[in-house]
N, C-alpha and C. Protein backbone atom coordinates (compact mmCIF):
# COMPACT_ATOMS: atom_id res chain seq x y z
N UNK A 1 116.75 108.63 82.52
CA UNK A 1 115.55 107.71 82.73
C UNK A 1 116.09 107.00 83.78
N UNK A 2 115.22 106.38 84.94
CA UNK A 2 115.11 104.93 85.65
C UNK A 2 115.12 103.71 85.19
N UNK A 3 116.19 102.64 86.40
CA UNK A 3 116.22 101.43 85.75
C UNK A 3 115.34 100.91 86.66
N UNK A 4 115.17 99.25 86.58
CA UNK A 4 113.64 98.46 87.30
C UNK A 4 114.25 98.99 88.28
N UNK A 5 116.12 98.28 88.88
CA UNK A 5 116.02 98.50 90.66
C UNK A 5 115.41 99.67 91.48
N UNK A 6 116.08 100.87 90.53
CA UNK A 6 115.29 101.75 91.34
C UNK A 6 113.92 102.08 91.27
N UNK A 7 113.38 102.14 90.67
CA UNK A 7 111.89 101.73 90.24
C UNK A 7 111.54 100.68 90.89
N UNK A 8 111.85 100.16 91.08
CA UNK A 8 112.11 98.50 92.69
C UNK A 8 111.99 99.64 94.19
N UNK A 9 113.05 99.82 94.41
CA UNK A 9 113.40 100.93 95.45
C UNK A 9 112.39 101.55 95.36
N UNK A 10 112.41 102.95 94.93
CA UNK A 10 110.33 102.77 95.15
C UNK A 10 109.48 102.81 95.41
N UNK A 11 109.06 101.66 95.09
CA UNK A 11 108.36 101.41 94.52
C UNK A 11 108.04 101.12 96.48
N UNK A 12 109.52 100.01 97.46
CA UNK A 12 108.99 99.41 97.95
C UNK A 12 109.11 100.66 99.37
N UNK A 13 109.99 101.90 99.16
CA UNK A 13 109.74 102.82 100.12
C UNK A 13 107.86 103.56 100.11
N UNK A 14 107.12 103.47 99.21
CA UNK A 14 105.84 103.53 99.19
C UNK A 14 105.35 103.37 100.29
N UNK A 15 105.28 101.37 100.11
CA UNK A 15 104.38 100.86 100.31
C UNK A 15 104.27 100.50 102.23
N UNK A 16 105.11 100.89 102.95
CA UNK A 16 105.50 101.65 103.91
C UNK A 16 105.17 102.17 104.58
N UNK A 17 104.85 103.83 103.89
CA UNK A 17 104.05 104.69 104.38
C UNK A 17 102.80 104.53 105.79
N UNK A 18 103.53 105.38 106.46
CA UNK A 18 102.21 105.27 107.94
C UNK A 18 101.41 105.99 108.12
N UNK A 19 101.47 106.35 106.94
CA UNK A 19 99.99 107.70 106.81
C UNK A 19 100.36 107.47 105.42
N UNK A 20 98.68 107.53 105.30
CA UNK A 20 98.49 108.20 103.03
C UNK A 20 98.56 109.44 102.44
N UNK A 21 99.82 109.46 101.52
CA UNK A 21 99.77 111.11 101.20
C UNK A 21 98.30 112.23 100.94
N UNK A 22 98.30 112.69 100.56
CA UNK A 22 96.49 113.69 100.57
C UNK A 22 96.85 113.33 99.49
N UNK A 23 95.35 113.07 99.13
CA UNK A 23 94.46 112.61 98.15
C UNK A 23 93.87 113.88 96.86
N UNK A 24 93.97 115.01 97.07
CA UNK A 24 92.88 116.01 95.85
C UNK A 24 94.07 116.73 95.81
N UNK A 25 94.12 116.89 94.44
CA UNK A 25 95.12 117.95 93.99
C UNK A 25 95.00 119.36 94.82
N UNK A 26 94.57 120.08 95.50
CA UNK A 26 94.58 121.13 95.78
C UNK A 26 95.32 120.47 97.26
N UNK A 27 95.10 119.87 97.96
CA UNK A 27 95.67 118.88 99.81
C UNK A 27 97.15 119.48 98.73
N UNK A 28 97.22 118.51 97.53
CA UNK A 28 98.72 117.90 97.07
C UNK A 28 99.47 119.21 96.78
N UNK A 29 99.11 119.87 96.79
CA UNK A 29 99.93 121.21 95.57
C UNK A 29 99.92 121.46 97.28
N UNK A 30 99.42 121.83 98.13
CA UNK A 30 99.10 123.25 99.90
C UNK A 30 101.03 122.43 99.84
N UNK A 31 100.69 120.81 100.31
CA UNK A 31 101.91 120.64 100.37
C UNK A 31 103.71 120.24 100.17
N UNK A 32 103.24 120.84 98.06
CA UNK A 32 104.38 120.42 97.59
C UNK A 32 105.16 121.83 98.09
N UNK A 33 104.29 122.57 98.24
CA UNK A 33 104.61 124.37 98.63
C UNK A 33 105.41 124.52 99.75
N UNK A 34 104.39 123.63 100.93
CA UNK A 34 105.24 124.16 102.15
C UNK A 34 106.39 123.10 102.46
N UNK A 35 106.55 121.93 101.34
CA UNK A 35 107.77 120.90 100.91
C UNK A 35 108.44 122.10 100.95
N UNK A 36 108.75 122.80 99.35
CA UNK A 36 109.18 123.71 98.78
C UNK A 36 109.79 125.35 98.68
N UNK A 37 107.64 125.66 99.35
CA UNK A 37 108.71 127.16 99.95
C UNK A 37 107.87 128.19 98.68
N UNK A 38 107.69 127.50 98.24
CA UNK A 38 107.17 128.34 96.95
C UNK A 38 105.97 128.00 95.32
N UNK A 39 105.01 128.52 95.20
CA UNK A 39 104.52 128.33 93.89
C UNK A 39 105.54 127.70 92.69
N UNK A 40 106.45 129.03 92.42
CA UNK A 40 107.38 128.86 91.59
C UNK A 40 108.32 127.54 91.69
N UNK A 41 109.04 127.57 93.24
CA UNK A 41 109.61 126.19 93.15
C UNK A 41 108.50 124.89 92.89
N UNK A 42 108.05 124.96 93.48
CA UNK A 42 106.70 123.74 92.54
C UNK A 42 105.86 123.82 91.67
N UNK A 43 106.16 125.00 90.48
CA UNK A 43 105.97 124.71 89.47
C UNK A 43 107.02 124.18 88.16
N UNK A 44 107.97 124.71 89.11
CA UNK A 44 109.28 124.05 87.90
C UNK A 44 109.04 122.39 88.36
N UNK A 45 108.83 122.02 89.88
CA UNK A 45 109.63 120.41 90.23
C UNK A 45 108.21 119.81 89.27
N UNK A 46 106.69 120.39 89.16
CA UNK A 46 106.27 119.84 87.95
C UNK A 46 105.66 119.70 86.34
N UNK A 47 106.47 121.35 86.40
CA UNK A 47 106.24 121.33 85.16
C UNK A 47 105.37 122.51 83.98
N UNK A 48 104.27 122.90 85.30
CA UNK A 48 103.87 123.69 84.64
C UNK A 48 103.82 125.55 85.85
N UNK A 49 103.11 126.19 85.31
CA UNK A 49 103.11 127.36 85.18
C UNK A 49 102.93 128.38 86.80
N UNK A 50 103.72 129.04 87.30
CA UNK A 50 103.16 129.52 88.95
C UNK A 50 101.92 129.72 89.17
N UNK A 51 101.47 130.49 87.39
CA UNK A 51 99.82 131.02 87.93
C UNK A 51 99.18 129.89 88.18
N UNK A 52 99.44 128.47 87.23
CA UNK A 52 98.63 127.42 87.68
C UNK A 52 98.76 126.40 88.84
N UNK A 53 100.00 126.82 89.40
CA UNK A 53 99.75 126.53 90.56
C UNK A 53 99.16 126.63 91.72
N UNK A 54 99.03 128.56 91.70
CA UNK A 54 98.19 129.55 92.03
C UNK A 54 96.58 128.59 92.41
N UNK A 55 96.69 128.10 90.96
CA UNK A 55 94.91 128.16 91.03
C UNK A 55 94.47 126.47 90.94
N UNK A 56 95.47 125.42 91.31
CA UNK A 56 95.23 123.95 91.78
C UNK A 56 95.81 124.29 92.97
N UNK A 57 95.68 125.36 94.04
CA UNK A 57 96.26 126.04 95.09
C UNK A 57 94.45 126.66 96.11
N UNK A 58 94.58 127.14 95.41
CA UNK A 58 93.08 128.32 95.71
C UNK A 58 92.10 127.28 95.34
N UNK A 59 92.17 125.64 94.50
CA UNK A 59 90.37 124.94 94.09
C UNK A 59 90.19 125.79 92.57
N UNK A 60 90.64 126.42 92.24
CA UNK A 60 90.03 126.74 90.96
C UNK A 60 90.44 126.13 89.39
N UNK A 61 90.88 125.45 89.68
CA UNK A 61 91.44 124.09 88.97
C UNK A 61 91.82 122.80 89.41
N UNK A 62 90.92 121.87 89.02
CA UNK A 62 91.22 120.47 89.97
C UNK A 62 90.69 119.16 89.06
N UNK A 63 91.49 119.73 88.31
CA UNK A 63 91.76 118.29 87.08
C UNK A 63 92.55 119.00 86.02
N UNK A 64 93.69 118.83 86.39
CA UNK A 64 95.07 118.39 86.24
C UNK A 64 94.61 117.94 85.09
N UNK A 65 95.70 117.68 83.72
CA UNK A 65 96.08 116.99 82.75
C UNK A 65 96.62 114.80 83.38
N UNK A 66 96.24 114.08 82.68
CA UNK A 66 97.39 113.15 83.53
C UNK A 66 98.82 113.55 83.39
N UNK A 67 99.06 113.52 82.41
CA UNK A 67 100.39 113.49 82.81
C UNK A 67 101.06 115.13 84.46
N UNK A 68 100.15 116.22 84.16
CA UNK A 68 100.87 116.58 84.86
C UNK A 68 100.38 116.15 87.04
N UNK A 69 99.18 115.59 86.65
CA UNK A 69 98.85 114.75 87.74
C UNK A 69 99.28 114.08 88.26
N UNK A 70 100.04 112.99 87.35
CA UNK A 70 101.47 111.48 87.94
C UNK A 70 102.32 113.03 87.54
N UNK A 71 102.81 114.31 87.71
CA UNK A 71 103.77 114.64 87.97
C UNK A 71 103.91 114.98 89.72
N UNK A 72 102.75 115.45 89.88
CA UNK A 72 102.26 115.83 91.51
C UNK A 72 102.30 115.01 91.98
N UNK A 73 101.72 114.18 91.86
CA UNK A 73 101.64 112.72 92.99
C UNK A 73 102.85 111.90 92.42
N UNK A 74 103.75 112.39 92.15
CA UNK A 74 104.99 111.63 91.92
C UNK A 74 105.99 112.19 93.14
N UNK A 75 105.85 113.76 92.74
CA UNK A 75 106.61 114.64 93.86
C UNK A 75 106.50 114.98 94.60
N UNK A 76 104.73 114.47 94.99
CA UNK A 76 104.34 114.49 96.88
C UNK A 76 105.10 113.63 97.22
N UNK A 77 105.07 112.62 96.71
CA UNK A 77 105.54 110.55 97.13
C UNK A 77 106.24 110.54 97.45
N UNK A 78 107.79 111.08 97.10
CA UNK A 78 109.27 111.29 96.70
C UNK A 78 108.89 111.73 98.25
N UNK A 79 107.94 112.60 98.62
CA UNK A 79 108.81 113.83 99.87
C UNK A 79 107.95 113.28 101.15
N UNK A 80 106.77 112.17 100.89
CA UNK A 80 105.95 112.10 102.08
C UNK A 80 106.78 111.42 103.21
N UNK A 81 106.57 111.35 103.85
CA UNK A 81 107.38 110.72 105.05
C UNK A 81 108.70 110.83 105.02
N UNK A 82 109.27 111.60 104.98
CA UNK A 82 111.14 110.89 104.70
C UNK A 82 111.55 109.91 106.08
N UNK A 83 110.90 110.28 107.37
CA UNK A 83 111.82 109.60 108.53
C UNK A 83 111.30 107.82 108.34
N UNK A 84 110.44 107.46 108.17
CA UNK A 84 109.13 106.26 107.85
C UNK A 84 109.86 105.80 106.71
N UNK A 85 110.95 105.71 105.75
CA UNK A 85 111.46 105.97 104.55
C UNK A 85 113.18 105.20 105.39
N UNK A 86 113.71 106.99 106.21
CA UNK A 86 114.91 106.08 106.57
C UNK A 86 114.97 105.05 107.61
N UNK A 87 114.05 104.86 108.12
CA UNK A 87 113.72 103.56 109.26
C UNK A 87 113.82 102.91 108.58
N UNK A 88 113.44 103.27 107.41
CA UNK A 88 112.62 101.63 106.89
C UNK A 88 114.40 101.13 106.40
N UNK A 89 115.00 101.95 105.76
CA UNK A 89 115.78 102.09 104.62
C UNK A 89 117.32 101.15 105.97
N UNK A 90 117.32 101.17 106.84
CA UNK A 90 118.08 102.22 107.89
C UNK A 90 118.51 100.29 109.32
N UNK A 91 117.15 99.97 109.12
CA UNK A 91 116.68 98.52 109.61
C UNK A 91 117.09 97.70 108.22
N UNK A 92 116.51 97.20 106.24
CA UNK A 92 116.73 96.88 106.17
C UNK A 92 118.27 96.51 105.47
N UNK A 93 119.25 97.87 105.52
CA UNK A 93 120.87 98.19 106.01
C UNK A 93 120.79 96.58 107.34
N UNK A 94 120.34 96.78 108.22
CA UNK A 94 121.16 95.13 109.62
C UNK A 94 120.70 93.94 109.20
N UNK A 95 119.21 93.84 108.16
CA UNK A 95 118.49 92.41 108.17
C UNK A 95 118.57 92.43 106.41
N UNK A 96 118.66 92.85 106.42
CA UNK A 96 119.00 92.82 104.93
C UNK A 96 117.79 92.32 103.53
N UNK A 97 117.34 92.44 102.70
CA UNK A 97 116.84 93.24 101.51
C UNK A 97 116.21 91.61 101.02
N UNK A 98 114.43 91.86 101.03
CA UNK A 98 114.08 89.87 100.11
C UNK A 98 113.29 90.87 98.42
N UNK A 99 114.39 90.52 97.71
CA UNK A 99 114.47 90.41 95.87
C UNK A 99 113.71 89.56 94.81
N UNK A 100 112.61 89.60 94.53
CA UNK A 100 112.48 88.65 93.81
C UNK A 100 112.93 88.83 92.29
N UNK A 101 112.86 88.52 91.14
CA UNK A 101 113.16 88.78 90.28
C UNK A 101 112.63 87.10 89.01
N UNK A 102 112.15 88.11 87.46
CA UNK A 102 112.64 86.65 86.41
C UNK A 102 113.65 87.55 85.82
N UNK A 103 115.05 87.22 85.61
CA UNK A 103 116.13 87.43 84.74
C UNK A 103 116.92 86.41 83.62
N UNK A 104 117.58 87.07 82.90
CA UNK A 104 119.13 85.93 82.68
C UNK A 104 119.87 85.45 83.10
N UNK A 105 120.61 84.49 84.43
CA UNK A 105 120.79 84.82 84.96
C UNK A 105 122.26 84.39 84.48
N UNK A 106 123.32 84.92 83.86
CA UNK A 106 124.60 83.80 83.52
C UNK A 106 125.72 84.67 84.28
N UNK A 107 126.95 82.83 83.72
CA UNK A 107 127.99 83.42 84.84
C UNK A 107 129.61 82.72 84.15
N UNK A 108 130.01 83.04 84.78
CA UNK A 108 131.94 83.25 84.53
C UNK A 108 132.37 82.47 85.33
N UNK A 109 132.50 80.48 84.73
CA UNK A 109 132.78 79.34 86.07
C UNK A 109 134.29 78.71 85.60
N UNK A 110 134.43 77.88 86.13
CA UNK A 110 135.41 77.07 85.23
C UNK A 110 135.29 75.85 84.29
N UNK A 111 136.17 76.32 83.55
CA UNK A 111 136.18 75.13 82.12
C UNK A 111 135.22 73.78 82.83
N UNK A 112 133.98 73.78 81.68
CA UNK A 112 133.54 72.08 82.43
C UNK A 112 132.46 72.03 82.22
N UNK A 113 131.84 73.54 82.95
CA UNK A 113 130.28 73.62 83.62
C UNK A 113 129.49 74.34 82.71
N UNK A 114 128.91 74.35 83.41
CA UNK A 114 127.51 75.34 82.15
C UNK A 114 126.90 76.66 82.25
N UNK A 115 127.90 77.67 82.28
CA UNK A 115 127.71 78.75 82.06
C UNK A 115 126.89 79.88 81.16
N UNK A 116 126.20 79.22 80.38
CA UNK A 116 125.03 79.57 79.43
C UNK A 116 124.17 80.67 80.64
N UNK A 117 123.69 81.98 80.61
CA UNK A 117 123.08 81.98 80.74
C UNK A 117 121.41 81.65 80.29
N UNK A 118 120.30 81.61 81.71
CA UNK A 118 119.19 81.67 81.25
C UNK A 118 118.27 81.77 82.53
N UNK A 119 117.54 81.94 81.65
CA UNK A 119 116.35 82.57 82.54
C UNK A 119 116.24 82.07 83.11
N UNK A 120 115.52 82.26 84.65
CA UNK A 120 115.34 82.09 86.56
C UNK A 120 114.01 82.82 86.77
N UNK A 121 113.47 82.19 87.79
CA UNK A 121 112.92 83.97 88.66
C UNK A 121 113.55 83.09 89.58
N UNK A 122 113.15 84.18 90.65
CA UNK A 122 114.73 83.74 91.54
C UNK A 122 113.66 84.49 92.94
N UNK A 123 113.63 84.37 94.41
CA UNK A 123 112.68 85.06 95.73
C UNK A 123 114.36 85.35 96.24
N UNK A 124 115.03 85.77 96.52
CA UNK A 124 116.22 85.19 97.32
C UNK A 124 116.25 87.19 98.26
N UNK A 125 116.87 86.31 99.69
CA UNK A 125 117.34 86.89 100.51
C UNK A 125 118.84 87.82 100.89
N UNK A 126 118.75 89.01 100.16
CA UNK A 126 119.69 89.39 100.10
C UNK A 126 120.63 89.45 100.90
N UNK A 127 121.48 89.49 101.56
CA UNK A 127 122.39 90.12 103.18
C UNK A 127 122.38 91.33 102.73
N UNK A 128 122.69 91.85 104.39
CA UNK A 128 122.45 93.20 104.91
C UNK A 128 123.37 94.44 104.05
N UNK A 129 124.90 93.55 104.34
CA UNK A 129 125.48 94.35 103.16
C UNK A 129 125.36 94.47 101.68
N UNK A 130 124.62 93.43 101.20
CA UNK A 130 124.99 94.48 99.81
C UNK A 130 123.37 94.98 100.09
N UNK A 131 122.49 95.41 100.67
CA UNK A 131 121.61 96.12 100.59
C UNK A 131 122.19 97.39 100.56
N UNK A 132 122.68 97.60 101.74
CA UNK A 132 123.34 98.83 102.54
C UNK A 132 124.48 99.84 101.30
N UNK A 133 124.72 98.49 100.70
CA UNK A 133 126.05 99.29 99.48
C UNK A 133 124.56 99.67 98.26
N UNK A 134 123.58 98.26 98.08
CA UNK A 134 122.13 99.61 97.01
C UNK A 134 122.65 101.08 97.07
N UNK A 135 121.38 100.93 98.44
CA UNK A 135 120.62 101.83 99.14
C UNK A 135 121.77 103.35 98.57
N UNK A 136 123.41 102.75 99.30
CA UNK A 136 124.55 103.79 98.68
C UNK A 136 124.43 104.06 97.33
N UNK A 137 124.30 103.40 96.89
CA UNK A 137 124.89 103.24 94.67
C UNK A 137 123.18 104.71 94.51
N UNK A 138 121.95 103.99 94.96
CA UNK A 138 121.71 104.90 94.53
C UNK A 138 121.06 106.16 95.26
N UNK A 139 121.35 106.06 96.46
CA UNK A 139 121.64 108.36 97.00
C UNK A 139 122.68 107.95 96.37
N UNK A 140 123.81 107.74 95.27
CA UNK A 140 124.92 108.58 94.98
C UNK A 140 124.99 108.84 93.01
N UNK A 141 124.05 108.40 93.29
CA UNK A 141 123.12 108.19 91.92
C UNK A 141 123.95 107.35 90.53
N UNK A 142 124.93 106.19 91.09
CA UNK A 142 124.98 105.21 90.44
C UNK A 142 124.56 105.05 89.36
N UNK A 143 124.19 104.66 88.10
CA UNK A 143 124.28 103.48 87.00
C UNK A 143 123.34 102.44 87.66
N UNK A 144 122.41 102.02 86.64
CA UNK A 144 121.54 101.20 87.26
C UNK A 144 122.72 99.93 86.63
N UNK A 145 123.49 99.68 85.99
CA UNK A 145 123.90 98.48 85.76
C UNK A 145 125.18 98.62 87.18
N UNK A 146 125.15 100.21 87.55
CA UNK A 146 126.33 99.83 88.67
C UNK A 146 125.41 98.46 89.81
N UNK A 147 123.99 99.38 90.06
CA UNK A 147 123.15 98.02 91.06
C UNK A 147 122.80 97.05 90.34
N UNK A 148 122.47 97.13 88.51
CA UNK A 148 122.84 95.26 88.84
C UNK A 148 123.27 95.10 89.12
N UNK A 149 124.62 95.18 88.81
CA UNK A 149 126.44 93.81 89.31
C UNK A 149 125.90 93.83 91.10
N UNK A 150 125.47 94.93 91.94
CA UNK A 150 125.59 94.38 93.00
C UNK A 150 124.27 93.88 93.43
N UNK A 151 122.86 93.77 93.48
CA UNK A 151 122.16 92.34 92.99
C UNK A 151 123.03 91.39 92.80
N UNK A 152 123.38 90.86 91.64
CA UNK A 152 124.03 89.93 90.91
C UNK A 152 125.06 89.18 91.92
N UNK A 153 126.00 90.60 92.39
CA UNK A 153 126.94 89.48 93.56
C UNK A 153 126.19 89.31 94.57
N UNK A 154 124.98 90.30 95.40
CA UNK A 154 124.95 89.32 96.35
C UNK A 154 123.70 87.98 95.75
N UNK A 155 123.49 88.04 94.53
CA UNK A 155 122.52 86.62 94.20
C UNK A 155 123.59 85.39 94.17
N UNK A 156 125.24 86.00 93.82
CA UNK A 156 125.55 85.07 93.66
C UNK A 156 126.10 84.44 94.42
N UNK A 157 126.48 84.82 95.64
CA UNK A 157 126.62 84.97 96.98
C UNK A 157 125.83 83.74 97.82
N UNK A 158 124.21 84.08 97.44
CA UNK A 158 122.97 83.72 98.53
C UNK A 158 122.96 82.68 97.58
N UNK A 159 122.36 82.44 96.63
CA UNK A 159 122.14 82.27 96.06
C UNK A 159 122.89 80.64 94.76
N UNK A 160 123.51 81.34 94.84
CA UNK A 160 125.07 80.61 93.90
C UNK A 160 125.64 79.66 94.50
N UNK A 161 126.71 79.93 95.26
CA UNK A 161 127.03 79.78 96.51
C UNK A 161 126.87 79.46 97.68
N UNK A 162 125.35 79.44 98.51
CA UNK A 162 125.10 79.02 98.96
C UNK A 162 125.62 79.60 100.28
N UNK A 163 126.20 81.00 100.36
CA UNK A 163 126.64 82.04 101.23
C UNK A 163 128.59 80.40 101.54
N UNK A 164 129.11 80.41 100.44
CA UNK A 164 129.67 79.72 100.48
C UNK A 164 130.09 78.04 100.51
N UNK A 165 129.02 77.18 100.47
CA UNK A 165 128.72 75.95 100.64
C UNK A 165 128.79 74.77 99.35
N UNK A 166 128.49 75.61 99.09
CA UNK A 166 128.85 75.31 96.96
C UNK A 166 129.08 76.47 95.53
N UNK A 167 130.02 75.76 94.50
CA UNK A 167 129.89 76.57 94.00
C UNK A 167 131.59 77.45 94.12
N UNK A 168 132.62 77.48 94.32
CA UNK A 168 133.62 78.49 95.35
C UNK A 168 134.32 78.96 93.72
N UNK A 169 133.71 78.21 92.75
CA UNK A 169 135.35 78.09 92.13
C UNK A 169 134.33 79.82 90.73
N UNK A 170 133.11 79.55 90.93
CA UNK A 170 132.24 80.86 90.79
C UNK A 170 132.46 82.19 90.65
N UNK A 171 133.18 82.66 90.03
CA UNK A 171 134.07 84.26 89.67
C UNK A 171 133.34 85.07 89.52
N UNK A 172 132.57 85.62 88.78
CA UNK A 172 130.49 86.79 88.20
C UNK A 172 129.75 85.68 87.83
N UNK A 173 128.78 86.19 88.14
CA UNK A 173 127.43 86.65 87.39
C UNK A 173 127.05 87.76 87.15
N UNK A 174 126.02 87.49 85.76
CA UNK A 174 125.79 88.74 85.00
C UNK A 174 123.78 88.62 85.43
N UNK A 175 123.74 90.00 85.91
CA UNK A 175 121.59 89.78 84.93
C UNK A 175 121.24 90.40 84.41
N UNK A 176 120.55 90.47 82.97
CA UNK A 176 120.46 90.30 81.94
C UNK A 176 118.98 90.01 82.35
N UNK A 177 118.44 90.72 80.99
CA UNK A 177 116.87 90.20 80.23
C UNK A 177 115.75 90.71 81.83
N UNK A 178 116.00 91.16 82.37
CA UNK A 178 114.88 91.59 83.20
C UNK A 178 113.80 92.05 82.89
N UNK A 179 112.98 90.92 83.44
CA UNK A 179 111.20 91.01 83.22
C UNK A 179 109.98 91.04 83.40
N UNK A 180 110.68 90.93 85.37
CA UNK A 180 110.50 91.85 86.68
C UNK A 180 111.38 91.57 87.41
N UNK A 181 110.78 92.99 88.53
CA UNK A 181 112.38 92.80 90.05
C UNK A 181 111.59 93.70 90.43
N UNK A 182 111.30 93.28 92.16
CA UNK A 182 110.45 93.33 92.53
C UNK A 182 111.27 93.59 93.98
N UNK A 183 111.77 94.45 94.80
CA UNK A 183 112.44 94.39 96.59
C UNK A 183 111.39 94.82 97.25
N UNK A 184 111.30 93.81 98.36
CA UNK A 184 110.85 94.66 99.87
C UNK A 184 112.20 94.53 100.64
N UNK A 185 110.74 95.45 101.63
CA UNK A 185 111.84 95.44 103.25
C UNK A 185 111.02 96.73 104.03
């Protein structure tokens, strides 16, 4: 199962297609066959038989069940315009990303400060270093907890410490109870 951060990164990837992916089931299946090589490989990807894939390809079957249609759509979008996604990520890794969230933030701070976690709605431009670390973590298949730690560290630097202008004693920020999380780049 993917986490909130993975889902947000996937949505951000898909927001900047320069050309819309194929719309019909037949066109989507044909695209997947071109990408994966065989009907058998497509069948394994979307969870049907190779015969079903060939029926969709020929147009003999046009309306797959909802779960299969969702699998087909996800498989197409995952492979659609990889060059565009690569360029957008490369640009984001040098300029930073915008993260909007409503989540519980807690932190470790010196004695006498209020370090109890509380819900906050924040929109922050995370520095490029954190964007690159987040993309690397996703490519390496690291856990959502690890990606949360990267985002929390970015929020610590950009929001809580205001890039070194305040809260010097703040040592750790925790990001929990995510209500929503959106990433733009």
